[in-house]
Amino acid sequence: MNKNTAITIFESLSSPVRLDVYRLLIRQGTDGMVAGEIASTIDVPSTNLSFHLKALTHAGLVNVEQEGRFQRYRANLPLMLDLIAYLTDECCGGKPESCGDFSAATICPQCSASSPEAS
């Protein structure tokens, strides 16, 4: 990951609504949610939500798939793991063993199974 990609991701998550949506989609894992479910769960009007979903999709944080007349949104779990790796890459002056255990970020079987490194 490069610096500009990380900045785009952080800018996208700087909105409280987008952060709520992203965290909700992370909880749903690979099942994702359709837009109407997202709107009702976080109590945001659908017209307002579409703006935020577009921003998350543009940043690469969310993938969207057409299902009939609905669109299913899923968090881009490999990108989340790449961001964590980018943030911790030089932790503790290149001695990550002295920082603690970051493996908790990859404990989620759905996350690590969809990660490019898992293949």
C-alpha atoms as a PDB file:
ATOM      1  CA  MET A   1       0.000   0.000   0.000  1.00  0.00           C
ATOM      2  CA  ASN A   2       1.209   3.489  -0.690  1.00  0.00           C
ATOM      3  CA  LYS A   3       0.711   6.698   1.248  1.00  0.00           C
ATOM      4  CA  ASN A   4      -1.886   8.162  -1.147  1.00  0.00           C
ATOM      5  CA  THR A   5      -4.047   5.032  -0.906  1.00  0.00           C
ATOM      6  CA  ALA A   6      -3.904   5.173   2.897  1.00  0.00           C
ATOM      7  CA  ILE A   7      -4.847   8.868   2.849  1.00  0.00           C
ATOM      8  CA  THR A   8      -7.831   8.162   0.576  1.00  0.00           C
ATOM      9  CA  ILE A   9      -9.006   5.425   2.946  1.00  0.00           C
ATOM     10  CA  PHE A  10      -8.678   7.618   6.032  1.00  0.00           C
ATOM     11  CA  GLU A  11     -10.453  10.518   4.318  1.00  0.00           C
ATOM     12  CA  SER A  12     -13.305   8.193   3.405  1.00  0.00           C
ATOM     13  CA  LEU A  13     -13.606   6.929   6.982  1.00  0.00           C
ATOM     14  CA  SER A  14     -13.512  10.439   8.464  1.00  0.00           C
ATOM     15  CA  SER A  15     -17.299  10.727   8.150  1.00  0.00           C
ATOM     16  CA  PRO A  16     -19.187   9.327  11.154  1.00  0.00           C
ATOM     17  CA  VAL A  17     -21.819   7.758   8.868  1.00  0.00           C
ATOM     18  CA  ARG A  18     -19.226   6.102   6.624  1.00  0.00           C
ATOM     19  CA  LEU A  19     -17.316   4.805   9.633  1.00  0.00           C
ATOM     20  CA  ASP A  20     -20.554   3.337  11.033  1.00  0.00           C
ATOM     21  CA  VAL A  21     -21.369   1.721   7.676  1.00  0.00           C
ATOM     22  CA  TYR A  22     -17.882   0.267   7.299  1.00  0.00           C
ATOM     23  CA  ARG A  23     -17.817  -1.155  10.833  1.00  0.00           C
ATOM     24  CA  LEU A  24     -21.275  -2.646  10.253  1.00  0.00           C
ATOM     25  CA  LEU A  25     -20.091  -4.309   7.042  1.00  0.00           C
ATOM     26  CA  ILE A  26     -16.971  -5.596   8.792  1.00  0.00           C
ATOM     27  CA  ARG A  27     -19.237  -7.273  11.365  1.00  0.00           C
ATOM     28  CA  GLN A  28     -21.231  -8.903   8.562  1.00  0.00           C
ATOM     29  CA  GLY A  29     -18.098 -10.434   7.045  1.00  0.00           C
ATOM     30  CA  THR A  30     -18.440 -11.941   3.580  1.00  0.00           C
ATOM     31  CA  ASP A  31     -22.266 -11.980   3.803  1.00  0.00           C
ATOM     32  CA  GLY A  32     -22.461  -8.216   3.446  1.00  0.00           C
ATOM     33  CA  MET A  33     -25.771  -6.363   3.423  1.00  0.00           C
ATOM     34  CA  VAL A  34     -28.109  -4.775   0.923  1.00  0.00           C
ATOM     35  CA  ALA A  35     -28.447  -1.004   1.048  1.00  0.00           C
ATOM     36  CA  GLY A  36     -31.919  -1.036   2.633  1.00  0.00           C
ATOM     37  CA  GLU A  37     -30.697  -3.210   5.498  1.00  0.00           C
ATOM     38  CA  ILE A  38     -27.753  -0.899   6.070  1.00  0.00           C
ATOM     39  CA  ALA A  39     -30.008   2.173   6.067  1.00  0.00           C
ATOM     40  CA  SER A  40     -32.447   0.714   8.582  1.00  0.00           C
ATOM     41  CA  THR A  41     -29.711  -0.693  10.829  1.00  0.00           C
ATOM     42  CA  ILE A  42     -27.864   2.593  11.232  1.00  0.00           C
ATOM     43  CA  ASP A  43     -31.010   4.733  10.864  1.00  0.00           C
ATOM     44  CA  VAL A  44     -29.896   6.800   7.876  1.00  0.00           C
ATOM     45  CA  PRO A  45     -32.210   7.811   5.014  1.00  0.00           C
ATOM     46  CA  SER A  46     -31.528   5.765   1.866  1.00  0.00           C
ATOM     47  CA  THR A  47     -30.888   8.878  -0.215  1.00  0.00           C
ATOM     48  CA  ASN A  48     -28.218  10.008   2.243  1.00  0.00           C
ATOM     49  CA  LEU A  49     -26.747   6.498   2.499  1.00  0.00           C
ATOM     50  CA  SER A  50     -26.176   6.155  -1.251  1.00  0.00           C
ATOM     51  CA  PHE A  51     -23.798   9.145  -1.138  1.00  0.00           C
ATOM     52  CA  HIS A  52     -21.767   7.505   1.626  1.00  0.00           C
ATOM     53  CA  LEU A  53     -21.743   4.071  -0.019  1.00  0.00           C
ATOM     54  CA  LYS A  54     -20.457   5.653  -3.222  1.00  0.00           C
ATOM     55  CA  ALA A  55     -17.595   7.298  -1.300  1.00  0.00           C
ATOM     56  CA  LEU A  56     -16.678   3.999   0.418  1.00  0.00           C
ATOM     57  CA  THR A  57     -16.804   2.174  -2.919  1.00  0.00           C
ATOM     58  CA  HIS A  58     -14.656   4.829  -4.589  1.00  0.00           C
ATOM     59  CA  ALA A  59     -12.036   4.458  -1.821  1.00  0.00           C
ATOM     60  CA  GLY A  60     -12.027   0.683  -2.365  1.00  0.00           C
ATOM     61  CA  LEU A  61     -13.248  -0.046   1.162  1.00  0.00           C
ATOM     62  CA  VAL A  62     -16.502  -1.564  -0.047  1.00  0.00           C
ATOM     63  CA  ASN A  63     -17.360  -3.854  -2.947  1.00  0.00           C
ATOM     64  CA  VAL A  64     -20.828  -3.910  -4.451  1.00  0.00           C
ATOM     65  CA  GLU A  65     -22.564  -6.723  -6.307  1.00  0.00           C
ATOM     66  CA  GLN A  66     -25.903  -6.577  -8.080  1.00  0.00           C
ATOM     67  CA  GLU A  67     -28.437  -9.116  -6.763  1.00  0.00           C
ATOM     68  CA  GLY A  68     -31.591  -8.787  -8.814  1.00  0.00           C
ATOM     69  CA  ARG A  69     -32.922  -5.339  -8.068  1.00  0.00           C
ATOM     70  CA  PHE A  70     -30.781  -4.950  -4.955  1.00  0.00           C
ATOM     71  CA  GLN A  71     -27.126  -4.134  -4.446  1.00  0.00           C
ATOM     72  CA  ARG A  72     -25.189  -6.090  -1.825  1.00  0.00           C
ATOM     73  CA  TYR A  73     -22.300  -4.268  -0.173  1.00  0.00           C
ATOM     74  CA  ARG A  74     -19.360  -6.045   1.419  1.00  0.00           C
ATOM     75  CA  ALA A  75     -16.331  -4.675   3.227  1.00  0.00           C
ATOM     76  CA  ASN A  76     -13.090  -5.179   1.320  1.00  0.00           C
ATOM     77  CA  LEU A  77     -11.442  -7.262   4.043  1.00  0.00           C
ATOM     78  CA  PRO A  78      -8.075  -7.725   2.278  1.00  0.00           C
ATOM     79  CA  LEU A  79      -7.753  -3.935   1.933  1.00  0.00           C
ATOM     80  CA  MET A  80      -8.438  -3.532   5.654  1.00  0.00           C
ATOM     81  CA  LEU A  81      -5.646  -6.015   6.413  1.00  0.00           C
ATOM     82  CA  ASP A  82      -3.329  -4.213   3.969  1.00  0.00           C
ATOM     83  CA  LEU A  83      -4.020  -0.941   5.785  1.00  0.00           C
ATOM     84  CA  ILE A  84      -3.215  -2.521   9.139  1.00  0.00           C
ATOM     85  CA  ALA A  85       0.015  -3.935   7.674  1.00  0.00           C
ATOM     86  CA  TYR A  86       0.895  -0.509   6.235  1.00  0.00           C
ATOM     87  CA  LEU A  87       0.323   1.182   9.603  1.00  0.00           C
ATOM     88  CA  THR A  88       2.384  -1.353  11.539  1.00  0.00           C
ATOM     89  CA  ASP A  89       5.088  -1.999   8.943  1.00  0.00           C
ATOM     90  CA  GLU A  90       7.796  -0.072  10.779  1.00  0.00           C
ATOM     91  CA  CYS A  91       6.455  -0.519  14.275  1.00  0.00           C
ATOM     92  CA  CYS A  92       9.010  -0.163  17.050  1.00  0.00           C
ATOM     93  CA  GLY A  93      11.847   0.765  14.717  1.00  0.00           C
ATOM     94  CA  GLY A  94      11.615  -2.415  12.660  1.00  0.00           C
ATOM     95  CA  LYS A  95      11.391  -4.683  15.719  1.00  0.00           C
ATOM     96  CA  PRO A  96       7.685  -5.566  15.728  1.00  0.00           C
ATOM     97  CA  GLU A  97       8.226  -8.350  18.278  1.00  0.00           C
ATOM     98  CA  SER A  98       8.697  -5.657  20.944  1.00  0.00           C
ATOM     99  CA  CYS A  99       5.375  -3.950  20.027  1.00  0.00           C
ATOM    100  CA  GLY A 100       3.028  -6.774  20.883  1.00  0.00           C
ATOM    101  CA  ASP A 101       1.037  -9.309  18.932  1.00  0.00           C
ATOM    102  CA  PHE A 102      -0.696  -7.953  15.819  1.00  0.00           C
ATOM    103  CA  SER A 103      -1.924 -11.385  14.766  1.00  0.00           C
ATOM    104  CA  ALA A 104      -5.367 -10.618  16.210  1.00  0.00           C
ATOM    105  CA  ALA A 105      -6.057  -8.711  12.996  1.00  0.00           C
ATOM    106  CA  THR A 106      -5.853 -11.934  11.000  1.00  0.00           C
ATOM    107  CA  ILE A 107      -7.636 -14.259  13.415  1.00  0.00           C
ATOM    108  CA  CYS A 108     -10.942 -13.811  11.596  1.00  0.00           C
ATOM    109  CA  PRO A 109     -11.127 -16.851   9.260  1.00  0.00           C
ATOM    110  CA  GLN A 110     -13.194 -14.880   6.754  1.00  0.00           C
ATOM    111  CA  CYS A 111     -10.584 -12.106   6.694  1.00  0.00           C
ATOM    112  CA  SER A 112      -7.563 -14.320   6.239  1.00  0.00           C
ATOM    113  CA  ALA A 113      -9.337 -16.621   3.778  1.00  0.00           C
ATOM    114  CA  SER A 114     -10.123 -13.695   1.489  1.00  0.00           C
ATOM    115  CA  SER A 115      -6.693 -12.135   1.875  1.00  0.00           C
ATOM    116  CA  PRO A 116      -4.345 -12.454  -1.113  1.00  0.00           C
ATOM    117  CA  GLU A 117      -1.617 -13.778   1.209  1.00  0.00           C
ATOM    118  CA  ALA A 118      -3.841 -16.708   2.216  1.00  0.00           C
ATOM    119  CA  SER A 119      -3.896 -18.089  -1.331  1.00  0.00           C
END
